[in-house]
Amino acid sequence: MINKQAEVAQPVLTEEQMEQINFTLIEALHTNKQVYLTYYKQGECITETGFIQFVDSLGNLFIFIDDVFELKNKMRLSELIDVRLA
């Protein structure tokens, strides 16, 4: 019950924000720069650090390798809230 109270609604991004996220993902992929990813999952906004390995805008997915465990994570682009170069 307490967890339900802490949940937040998924933020709705503008077209401009989505374009900026795509641009940053592609830049990070091509330059192999580390990024801070903020994404929405099960009522929470989570931020992780990692490297982008693959981006498929048409398929609405991307793959990043997290900094902590160096695991590959496949996620939907629609789950992203923010991406910033580290």
Protein backbone atom coordinates (compact mmCIF):
# COMPACT_ATOMS: atom_id res chain seq x y z
CA MET A 1 0.00 0.00 0.00
CA ILE A 2 2.84 2.41 0.83
CA ASN A 3 4.52 1.63 -2.50
CA LYS A 4 1.31 2.56 -4.33
CA GLN A 5 1.31 5.97 -2.65
CA ALA A 6 4.89 6.65 -3.78
CA GLU A 7 4.08 5.93 -7.44
CA VAL A 8 4.15 8.78 -9.92
CA ALA A 9 2.43 9.06 -13.28
CA GLN A 10 4.61 8.73 -16.38
CA PRO A 11 5.56 12.21 -17.59
CA VAL A 12 4.27 13.14 -21.05
CA LEU A 13 7.04 14.47 -23.29
CA THR A 14 6.64 17.09 -25.99
CA GLU A 15 7.69 16.38 -29.57
CA GLU A 16 10.71 18.65 -29.03
CA GLN A 17 11.79 16.73 -25.92
CA MET A 18 11.51 13.40 -27.79
CA GLU A 19 13.60 14.76 -30.67
CA GLN A 20 16.26 15.97 -28.22
CA ILE A 21 16.37 12.53 -26.56
CA ASN A 22 16.81 10.85 -29.95
CA PHE A 23 19.54 13.30 -30.92
CA THR A 24 21.41 12.73 -27.65
CA LEU A 25 21.10 8.94 -27.96
CA ILE A 26 22.51 8.97 -31.49
CA GLU A 27 25.34 11.33 -30.48
CA ALA A 28 26.24 9.13 -27.50
CA LEU A 29 26.16 6.03 -29.70
CA HIS A 30 28.49 7.49 -32.33
CA THR A 31 30.92 9.12 -29.89
CA ASN A 32 30.78 6.33 -27.28
CA LYS A 33 30.13 8.90 -24.55
CA GLN A 34 28.63 7.95 -21.23
CA VAL A 35 25.04 9.09 -20.59
CA TYR A 36 22.66 9.60 -17.69
CA LEU A 37 19.37 7.90 -18.59
CA THR A 38 16.19 8.72 -16.73
CA TYR A 39 13.33 6.35 -17.47
CA TYR A 40 9.93 5.43 -16.15
CA LYS A 41 9.32 1.94 -14.81
CA GLN A 42 6.48 0.65 -12.64
CA GLY A 43 5.52 4.02 -11.17
CA GLU A 44 9.08 5.24 -10.59
CA CYS A 45 11.51 7.54 -12.35
CA ILE A 46 14.92 5.85 -12.34
CA THR A 47 18.26 7.34 -13.37
CA GLU A 48 21.19 5.17 -14.43
CA THR A 49 24.57 5.77 -15.99
CA GLY A 50 25.82 3.80 -18.96
CA PHE A 51 26.75 3.61 -22.62
CA ILE A 52 24.40 3.38 -25.60
CA GLN A 53 25.07 0.31 -27.73
CA PHE A 54 22.16 0.32 -30.20
CA VAL A 55 19.25 2.60 -31.15
CA ASP A 56 16.26 1.62 -33.30
CA SER A 57 13.92 4.61 -33.57
CA LEU A 58 11.48 2.78 -35.84
CA GLY A 59 11.32 -0.24 -33.54
CA ASN A 60 11.01 2.01 -30.47
CA LEU A 61 13.92 0.40 -28.62
CA PHE A 62 17.50 0.89 -27.60
CA ILE A 63 20.18 -1.07 -25.79
CA PHE A 64 22.47 0.39 -23.17
CA ILE A 65 25.19 -1.10 -20.98
CA ASP A 66 24.89 0.03 -17.38
CA ASP A 67 27.90 1.30 -15.50
CA VAL A 68 27.42 -0.76 -12.35
CA PHE A 69 27.06 -4.35 -13.54
CA GLU A 70 28.02 -3.83 -17.20
CA LEU A 71 24.83 -5.63 -18.24
CA LYS A 72 23.00 -5.10 -21.52
CA ASN A 73 19.58 -3.57 -20.97
CA LYS A 74 16.99 -3.47 -23.74
CA MET A 75 14.40 -0.73 -23.24
CA ARG A 76 11.65 1.03 -25.12
CA LEU A 77 12.30 4.59 -26.24
CA SER A 78 8.83 5.45 -24.94
CA GLU A 79 10.02 4.70 -21.36
CA LEU A 80 12.69 7.40 -21.54
CA ILE A 81 12.12 10.68 -19.75
CA ASP A 82 15.53 12.29 -20.17
CA VAL A 83 19.01 11.55 -21.57
CA ARG A 84 22.08 13.67 -20.85
CA LEU A 85 25.70 13.25 -21.80
CA ALA A 86 27.87 12.60 -18.74
